[in-house]
C-alpha atoms as a PDB file:
ATOM      1  CA  GLY A   1       7.518   4.567  10.841  1.00  0.00           C
ATOM      2  CA  SER A   2       3.935   3.505   9.831  1.00  0.00           C
ATOM      3  CA  GLY A   3       1.650   2.970   6.469  1.00  0.00           C
ATOM      4  CA  ALA A   4       4.092   2.927   3.449  1.00  0.00           C
ATOM      5  CA  VAL A   5       4.352   6.143   0.492  1.00  0.00           C
ATOM      6  CA  LEU A   6       3.916   5.979  -2.281  1.00  0.00           C
ATOM      7  CA  ALA A   7       4.711   8.016  -5.159  1.00  0.00           C
ATOM      8  CA  VAL A   8       4.316   6.873  -9.402  1.00  0.00           C
ATOM      9  CA  ASP A   9       6.293   9.008 -12.005  1.00  0.00           C
ATOM     10  CA  PHE A  10       4.311  11.034 -14.899  1.00  0.00           C
ATOM     11  CA  SER A  11       6.986  12.771 -16.413  1.00  0.00           C
ATOM     12  CA  ARG A  12       6.576  10.366 -19.248  1.00  0.00           C
ATOM     13  CA  TRP A  13       3.903  12.372 -20.738  1.00  0.00           C
ATOM     14  CA  GLY A  14       4.693  16.203 -18.616  1.00  0.00           C
ATOM     15  CA  GLY A  15       2.826  15.278 -15.780  1.00  0.00           C
ATOM     16  CA  PRO A  16       5.065  15.805 -12.268  1.00  0.00           C
ATOM     17  CA  VAL A  17       5.563  12.637  -9.171  1.00  0.00           C
ATOM     18  CA  TYR A  18       2.454  12.030  -7.409  1.00  0.00           C
ATOM     19  CA  ARG A  19       3.016  10.385  -3.664  1.00  0.00           C
ATOM     20  CA  SER A  20       0.054   9.152  -1.347  1.00  0.00           C
ATOM     21  CA  CYS A  21       0.276   7.260   1.536  1.00  0.00           C
ATOM     22  CA  GLY A  22      -1.413   3.831   2.341  1.00  0.00           C
ATOM     23  CA  SER A  23      -1.983   3.112   6.106  1.00  0.00           C
ATOM     24  CA  THR A  24      -2.550  -0.888   5.657  1.00  0.00           C
ATOM     25  CA  PRO A  25      -0.897  -1.612   2.291  1.00  0.00           C
ATOM     26  CA  THR A  26      -0.477  -5.759   2.958  1.00  0.00           C
ATOM     27  CA  THR A  27       0.687  -5.587  -0.976  1.00  0.00           C
ATOM     28  CA  GLY A  28       2.247  -3.367  -3.723  1.00  0.00           C
ATOM     29  CA  TYR A  29      -1.532  -3.713  -6.314  1.00  0.00           C
ATOM     30  CA  GLU A  30      -3.504  -3.074  -3.199  1.00  0.00           C
ATOM     31  CA  LEU A  31      -1.357   0.244  -1.847  1.00  0.00           C
ATOM     32  CA  LEU A  32      -1.592   0.820  -6.126  1.00  0.00           C
ATOM     33  CA  ASN A  33      -4.990   0.325  -6.105  1.00  0.00           C
ATOM     34  CA  GLN A  34      -7.327   2.961  -3.112  1.00  0.00           C
ATOM     35  CA  GLY A  35      -7.484   6.367  -2.025  1.00  0.00           C
ATOM     36  CA  GLY A  36      -8.019   6.977  -6.161  1.00  0.00           C
ATOM     37  CA  TRP A  37      -5.654   4.857  -7.389  1.00  0.00           C
ATOM     38  CA  ARG A  38      -6.026   2.318 -10.249  1.00  0.00           C
ATOM     39  CA  THR A  39      -4.451   0.043 -12.370  1.00  0.00           C
ATOM     40  CA  THR A  40      -5.100  -2.524 -15.514  1.00  0.00           C
ATOM     41  CA  GLY A  41      -2.679  -5.675 -16.165  1.00  0.00           C
ATOM     42  CA  THR A  42      -2.388  -7.234 -19.650  1.00  0.00           C
ATOM     43  CA  GLY A  43      -4.609  -9.609 -21.496  1.00  0.00           C
ATOM     44  CA  HIS A  44      -1.734 -12.206 -21.267  1.00  0.00           C
ATOM     45  CA  ASP A  45      -0.122 -12.313 -18.065  1.00  0.00           C
ATOM     46  CA  GLY A  46      -3.408 -10.487 -16.270  1.00  0.00           C
ATOM     47  CA  PRO A  47      -3.794  -7.926 -13.593  1.00  0.00           C
ATOM     48  CA  ALA A  48      -0.840  -9.503 -11.514  1.00  0.00           C
ATOM     49  CA  PHE A  49       1.449  -7.815 -14.333  1.00  0.00           C
ATOM     50  CA  ILE A  50       0.999  -3.810 -13.957  1.00  0.00           C
ATOM     51  CA  CYS A  51       0.204  -1.975 -17.863  1.00  0.00           C
ATOM     52  CA  ARG A  52      -1.306   0.877 -17.099  1.00  0.00           C
ATOM     53  CA  ILE A  53      -1.040   3.236 -13.901  1.00  0.00           C
ATOM     54  CA  GLY A  54      -4.002   6.207 -13.762  1.00  0.00           C
ATOM     55  CA  TYR A  55      -5.281   8.277 -10.928  1.00  0.00           C
ATOM     56  CA  SER A  56      -8.176  10.164 -10.347  1.00  0.00           C
ATOM     57  CA  GLY A  57      -6.604  13.433  -9.501  1.00  0.00           C
ATOM     58  CA  TYR A  58      -4.338  13.680 -12.371  1.00  0.00           C
ATOM     59  CA  ARG A  59      -5.998  13.943 -15.722  1.00  0.00           C
ATOM     60  CA  ASP A  60      -9.463  12.513 -14.939  1.00  0.00           C
ATOM     61  CA  GLY A  61      -8.333   9.666 -14.274  1.00  0.00           C
ATOM     62  CA  GLN A  62      -7.025   8.992 -17.510  1.00  0.00           C
ATOM     63  CA  GLN A  63      -4.168   5.675 -17.110  1.00  0.00           C
ATOM     64  CA  PHE A  64      -1.052   5.321 -18.737  1.00  0.00           C
ATOM     65  CA  PRO A  65       0.642   4.289 -21.235  1.00  0.00           C
ATOM     66  CA  PRO A  66      -2.823   4.815 -23.974  1.00  0.00           C
ATOM     67  CA  PRO A  67      -3.962   2.616 -25.667  1.00  0.00           C
ATOM     68  CA  GLU A  68      -2.064   4.222 -28.522  1.00  0.00           C
ATOM     69  CA  GLN A  69       1.275   3.680 -26.758  1.00  0.00           C
ATOM     70  CA  ASP A  70       0.631   0.128 -25.357  1.00  0.00           C
ATOM     71  CA  ASP A  71      -2.148  -2.003 -26.442  1.00  0.00           C
ATOM     72  CA  CYS A  72      -2.100  -3.904 -23.154  1.00  0.00           C
ATOM     73  CA  VAL A  73      -2.333  -7.392 -24.163  1.00  0.00           C
ATOM     74  CA  LEU A  74       0.881  -9.048 -24.241  1.00  0.00           C
ATOM     75  CA  THR A  75       3.920  -8.734 -21.780  1.00  0.00           C
ATOM     76  CA  PRO A  76       5.056  -4.959 -22.431  1.00  0.00           C
ATOM     77  CA  PRO A  77       8.804  -4.939 -23.924  1.00  0.00           C
ATOM     78  CA  ALA A  78      12.268  -4.222 -20.878  1.00  0.00           C
ATOM     79  CA  SER A  79      12.271  -1.407 -22.965  1.00  0.00           C
ATOM     80  CA  ALA A  80       9.299   0.215 -22.105  1.00  0.00           C
ATOM     81  CA  TYR A  81       7.423  -0.294 -19.096  1.00  0.00           C
ATOM     82  CA  TRP A  82       6.536   0.639 -15.291  1.00  0.00           C
ATOM     83  CA  SER A  83       9.713  -0.665 -13.303  1.00  0.00           C
ATOM     84  CA  TYR A  84       8.744  -0.570  -9.761  1.00  0.00           C
ATOM     85  CA  TRP A  85      11.190  -0.190  -6.861  1.00  0.00           C
ATOM     86  CA  HIS A  86      11.531  -0.525  -2.921  1.00  0.00           C
ATOM     87  CA  ALA A  87      13.237   2.200  -1.057  1.00  0.00           C
ATOM     88  CA  GLY A  88      12.806  -0.196   3.043  1.00  0.00           C
ATOM     89  CA  PRO A  89      12.302   2.397   6.270  1.00  0.00           C
ATOM     90  CA  GLY A  90      15.083   4.510   6.767  1.00  0.00           C
ATOM     91  CA  ALA A  91      17.183   4.142   4.129  1.00  0.00           C
ATOM     92  CA  ASP A  92      17.890   6.746   0.285  1.00  0.00           C
ATOM     93  CA  ASP A  93      18.730   4.178  -1.790  1.00  0.00           C
ATOM     94  CA  TRP A  94      16.232   1.676  -4.295  1.00  0.00           C
ATOM     95  CA  GLU A  95      16.388  -1.703  -4.785  1.00  0.00           C
ATOM     96  CA  TYR A  96      14.796  -3.117  -7.986  1.00  0.00           C
ATOM     97  CA  SER A  97      12.006  -5.259  -6.886  1.00  0.00           C
ATOM     98  CA  GLN A  98      11.889  -8.666  -7.466  1.00  0.00           C
ATOM     99  CA  LEU A  99       8.356  -9.236  -6.794  1.00  0.00           C
ATOM    100  CA  GLY A 100       5.424  -7.972  -8.761  1.00  0.00           C
ATOM    101  CA  ALA A 101       3.122  -6.207  -7.548  1.00  0.00           C
ATOM    102  CA  MET A 102       0.923  -9.028  -5.842  1.00  0.00           C
ATOM    103  CA  LEU A 103       3.399 -10.524  -4.031  1.00  0.00           C
ATOM    104  CA  TYR A 104       5.380  -7.954  -2.523  1.00  0.00           C
ATOM    105  CA  LYS A 105       4.178  -7.093   0.943  1.00  0.00           C
ATOM    106  CA  PRO A 106       5.625  -3.541   2.182  1.00  0.00           C
ATOM    107  CA  LYS A 107       7.303  -3.329   5.053  1.00  0.00           C
ATOM    108  CA  PRO A 108       6.114   0.652   7.731  1.00  0.00           C
ATOM    109  CA  GLY A 109       7.890   2.820   6.768  1.00  0.00           C
ATOM    110  CA  SER A 110       9.668   2.082   3.407  1.00  0.00           C
ATOM    111  CA  VAL A 111       8.190   3.794   0.066  1.00  0.00           C
ATOM    112  CA  ASP A 112       7.068   2.183  -3.136  1.00  0.00           C
ATOM    113  CA  LEU A 113       8.541   3.863  -6.395  1.00  0.00           C
ATOM    114  CA  TRP A 114       6.878   3.199 -10.139  1.00  0.00           C
ATOM    115  CA  ILE A 115       8.995   5.522 -13.209  1.00  0.00           C
ATOM    116  CA  PHE A 116       8.480   3.830 -16.932  1.00  0.00           C
ATOM    117  CA  GLY A 117      10.740   3.455 -18.839  1.00  0.00           C
ATOM    118  CA  GLY A 118      13.068   0.230 -18.837  1.00  0.00           C
ATOM    119  CA  THR A 119      16.182  -1.401 -17.197  1.00  0.00           C
ATOM    120  CA  ASP A 120      17.485  -4.914 -16.942  1.00  0.00           C
ATOM    121  CA  ILE A 121      16.339  -7.726 -14.871  1.00  0.00           C
ATOM    122  CA  GLY A 122      19.412  -6.405 -12.188  1.00  0.00           C
ATOM    123  CA  GLY A 123      18.028  -2.677 -12.513  1.00  0.00           C
ATOM    124  CA  THR A 124      21.096  -1.759 -12.620  1.00  0.00           C
ATOM    125  CA  GLN A 125      19.932   0.771 -15.674  1.00  0.00           C
ATOM    126  CA  GLY A 126      17.252   2.892 -15.783  1.00  0.00           C
ATOM    127  CA  ARG A 127      17.374   4.145 -12.239  1.00  0.00           C
ATOM    128  CA  PRO A 128      14.835   6.804 -10.313  1.00  0.00           C
ATOM    129  CA  GLN A 129      16.287  10.158 -10.118  1.00  0.00           C
ATOM    130  CA  ILE A 130      14.283  11.005  -7.145  1.00  0.00           C
ATOM    131  CA  THR A 131      15.069   9.489  -3.522  1.00  0.00           C
ATOM    132  CA  PRO A 132      13.572   8.112  -1.349  1.00  0.00           C
ATOM    133  CA  ASP A 133      14.184  10.778   1.230  1.00  0.00           C
ATOM    134  CA  GLN A 134      12.632  13.215  -0.876  1.00  0.00           C
ATOM    135  CA  LEU A 135       9.077  11.073  -1.456  1.00  0.00           C
ATOM    136  CA  ARG A 136       8.940  10.385   2.921  1.00  0.00           C
ATOM    137  CA  ALA A 137       6.610  12.591   4.869  1.00  0.00           C
ATOM    138  CA  HIS A 138       8.801  15.058   7.471  1.00  0.00           C
ATOM    139  CA  ASN A 139       6.513  16.897   9.140  1.00  0.00           C
ATOM    140  CA  THR A 140       5.916  16.197  12.812  1.00  0.00           C
ATOM    141  CA  ARG A 141       2.272  16.969  12.959  1.00  0.00           C
ATOM    142  CA  PRO A 142      -0.591  16.626   9.793  1.00  0.00           C
ATOM    143  CA  SER A 143      -1.402  19.046   8.273  1.00  0.00           C
ATOM    144  CA  GLY A 144      -5.123  20.214   7.296  1.00  0.00           C
ATOM    145  CA  GLY A 145      -7.174  20.825   4.448  1.00  0.00           C
ATOM    146  CA  GLY A 146      -5.200  18.404   1.935  1.00  0.00           C
ATOM    147  CA  GLU A 147      -8.400  15.905   0.632  1.00  0.00           C
ATOM    148  CA  PRO A 148      -7.970  12.778  -1.145  1.00  0.00           C
ATOM    149  CA  ALA A 149      -9.306  12.590  -4.683  1.00  0.00           C
ATOM    150  CA  SER A 150     -10.363   9.647  -4.097  1.00  0.00           C
ATOM    151  CA  THR A 151     -11.292   7.124  -0.615  1.00  0.00           C
ATOM    152  CA  ALA A 152     -12.281   3.883  -2.828  1.00  0.00           C
ATOM    153  CA  HIS A 153     -10.633   1.129  -1.718  1.00  0.00           C
ATOM    154  CA  ALA A 154      -9.134  -1.570  -3.793  1.00  0.00           C
ATOM    155  CA  PRO A 155     -11.491  -3.597  -6.855  1.00  0.00           C
ATOM    156  CA  ALA A 156     -12.340  -7.421  -6.069  1.00  0.00           C
ATOM    157  CA  LEU A 157      -9.387  -8.990  -7.791  1.00  0.00           C
ATOM    158  CA  PRO A 158     -10.817 -11.905 -10.301  1.00  0.00           C
ATOM    159  CA  PRO A 159     -11.658 -15.160  -8.506  1.00  0.00           C
ATOM    160  CA  GLY A 160      -8.387 -17.770  -9.102  1.00  0.00           C
ATOM    161  CA  THR A 161      -6.190 -14.959  -9.349  1.00  0.00           C
ATOM    162  CA  ASP A 162      -2.925 -15.352  -7.544  1.00  0.00           C
ATOM    163  CA  THR A 163      -1.690 -13.320  -4.881  1.00  0.00           C
ATOM    164  CA  GLY A 164       0.917 -14.954  -2.495  1.00  0.00           C
ATOM    165  CA  PRO A 165       0.782 -15.919   0.701  1.00  0.00           C
ATOM    166  CA  ALA A 166      -2.155 -14.871   3.296  1.00  0.00           C
ATOM    167  CA  PRO A 167      -0.510 -11.718   5.868  1.00  0.00           C
ATOM    168  CA  VAL A 168       0.566 -13.228   9.031  1.00  0.00           C
ATOM    169  CA  THR A 169      -2.101 -11.901  11.767  1.00  0.00           C
ATOM    170  CA  THR A 170      -2.083 -12.825  15.707  1.00  0.00           C
ATOM    171  CA  GLU A 171      -5.265 -12.237  17.372  1.00  0.00           C
ATOM    172  CA  PRO A 172      -4.693  -9.570  20.422  1.00  0.00           C
ATOM    173  CA  LYS A 173      -4.867 -11.045  23.865  1.00  0.00           C
ATOM    174  CA  ARG A 174      -7.856  -9.920  26.239  1.00  0.00           C
ATOM    175  CA  PRO A 175      -6.860  -9.322  29.466  1.00  0.00           C
ATOM    176  CA  THR A 176      -8.523 -12.080  32.223  1.00  0.00           C
ATOM    177  CA  ALA A 177     -11.343 -11.577  34.067  1.00  0.00           C
ATOM    178  CA  PRO A 178     -10.400 -11.316  38.159  1.00  0.00           C
ATOM    179  CA  THR A 179     -12.087 -15.277  40.078  1.00  0.00           C
ATOM    180  CA  ALA A 180     -14.065 -14.292  42.529  1.00  0.00           C
ATOM    181  CA  PRO A 181     -12.735 -16.631  46.107  1.00  0.00           C
ATOM    182  CA  GLU A 182     -15.428 -19.064  47.586  1.00  0.00           C
ATOM    183  CA  PRO A 183     -17.434 -18.325  50.178  1.00  0.00           C
ATOM    184  CA  PRO A 184     -17.244 -19.654  53.356  1.00  0.00           C
ATOM    185  CA  ALA A 185     -18.502 -23.054  54.639  1.00  0.00           C
ATOM    186  CA  SER A 186     -21.559 -22.478  56.324  1.00  0.00           C
ATOM    187  CA  PRO A 187     -24.770 -25.396  57.581  1.00  0.00           C
ATOM    188  CA  SER A 188     -27.790 -24.248  55.279  1.00  0.00           C
ATOM    189  CA  PRO A 189     -28.093 -25.624  52.288  1.00  0.00           C
ATOM    190  CA  THR A 190     -25.919 -25.290  49.859  1.00  0.00           C
ATOM    191  CA  ALA A 191     -25.201 -22.160  48.447  1.00  0.00           C
ATOM    192  CA  SER A 192     -23.113 -20.282  46.053  1.00  0.00           C
ATOM    193  CA  SER A 193     -22.551 -16.664  44.305  1.00  0.00           C
ATOM    194  CA  SER A 194     -21.289 -16.599  41.006  1.00  0.00           C
ATOM    195  CA  PRO A 195     -18.180 -14.124  39.594  1.00  0.00           C
ATOM    196  CA  SER A 196     -18.782 -11.257  38.129  1.00  0.00           C
ATOM    197  CA  PRO A 197     -17.931 -10.684  34.380  1.00  0.00           C
ATOM    198  CA  GLY A 198     -15.356  -8.991  33.832  1.00  0.00           C
ATOM    199  CA  GLU A 199     -14.281  -6.170  31.190  1.00  0.00           C
ATOM    200  CA  THR A 200     -12.601  -6.665  28.141  1.00  0.00           C
ATOM    201  CA  ALA A 201     -10.805  -4.696  25.842  1.00  0.00           C
ATOM    202  CA  GLU A 202     -11.432  -4.927  21.890  1.00  0.00           C
ATOM    203  CA  PRO A 203      -8.946  -2.560  19.887  1.00  0.00           C
ATOM    204  CA  THR A 204      -9.950   0.193  17.986  1.00  0.00           C
ATOM    205  CA  GLY A 205      -9.542   2.728  15.452  1.00  0.00           C
ATOM    206  CA  SER A 206      -9.440   1.735  11.580  1.00  0.00           C
ATOM    207  CA  PRO A 207      -7.746   3.411   8.887  1.00  0.00           C
ATOM    208  CA  GLY A 208      -7.798   6.480   7.563  1.00  0.00           C
ATOM    209  CA  PRO A 209      -7.506   7.534   4.669  1.00  0.00           C
ATOM    210  CA  THR A 210      -5.250   8.101   2.167  1.00  0.00           C
ATOM    211  CA  GLU A 211      -3.935  11.323   0.638  1.00  0.00           C
ATOM    212  CA  SER A 212      -2.513  12.800  -2.209  1.00  0.00           C
ATOM    213  CA  ALA A 213       0.449  15.373  -2.796  1.00  0.00           C
ATOM    214  CA  GLU A 214       1.958  16.726  -5.893  1.00  0.00           C
ATOM    215  CA  VAL A 215       5.773  16.706  -6.100  1.00  0.00           C
ATOM    216  CA  PRO A 216       7.314  18.317  -8.924  1.00  0.00           C
ATOM    217  CA  PRO A 217       9.811  16.359 -10.183  1.00  0.00           C
ATOM    218  CA  PRO A 218      13.762  15.836  -9.878  1.00  0.00           C
ATOM    219  CA  ALA A 219      15.410  18.527 -11.504  1.00  0.00           C
ATOM    220  CA  THR A 220      16.967  17.951 -14.939  1.00  0.00           C
ATOM    221  CA  THR A 221      20.371  18.269 -17.045  1.00  0.00           C
END
């Protein structure tokens, strides 16, 4: 119910489907550039158009497709590119993304999937064979022993990059300190007591590192 699951299918190059969890992703781009994940855009469109994806735990972080398959100078053709899919919280069907990775904001409990191939603008072709439910975590408590390949943060974007509207945040309300009652009047010279300062609650906690797990690719016939 919190965070978002990220999955990337490397089966085009003989690899598995890798899955990881982003605890506080603000955009799909940030989810795809944390915890060992890195992307490369195109010379024509910049980092916003995902041309290559790599994971530090797979082939030493090599990004795919390799340069000999796509030089990532121009926009890739519709028959060979990384297509972007979403499944909302509790949903078990895929929706082809109508937004780029920098504009899409994953909802808590959702699943993001990137697969290499081709599809039309409506996402009616080249749909994923794996289901969102196969990618969700079904354990009820954290499992020990697993370490992420990397906990590095997403790289800084070039100045002037359009990342869409800023996320809306609200400050937590702080409790108001009680006011001390006025002292009774006395004939002596005026004297007043100042109220004791109250204590305020501060939000605590920080997002933990991402964890990545290998998911076997779906069986094909």
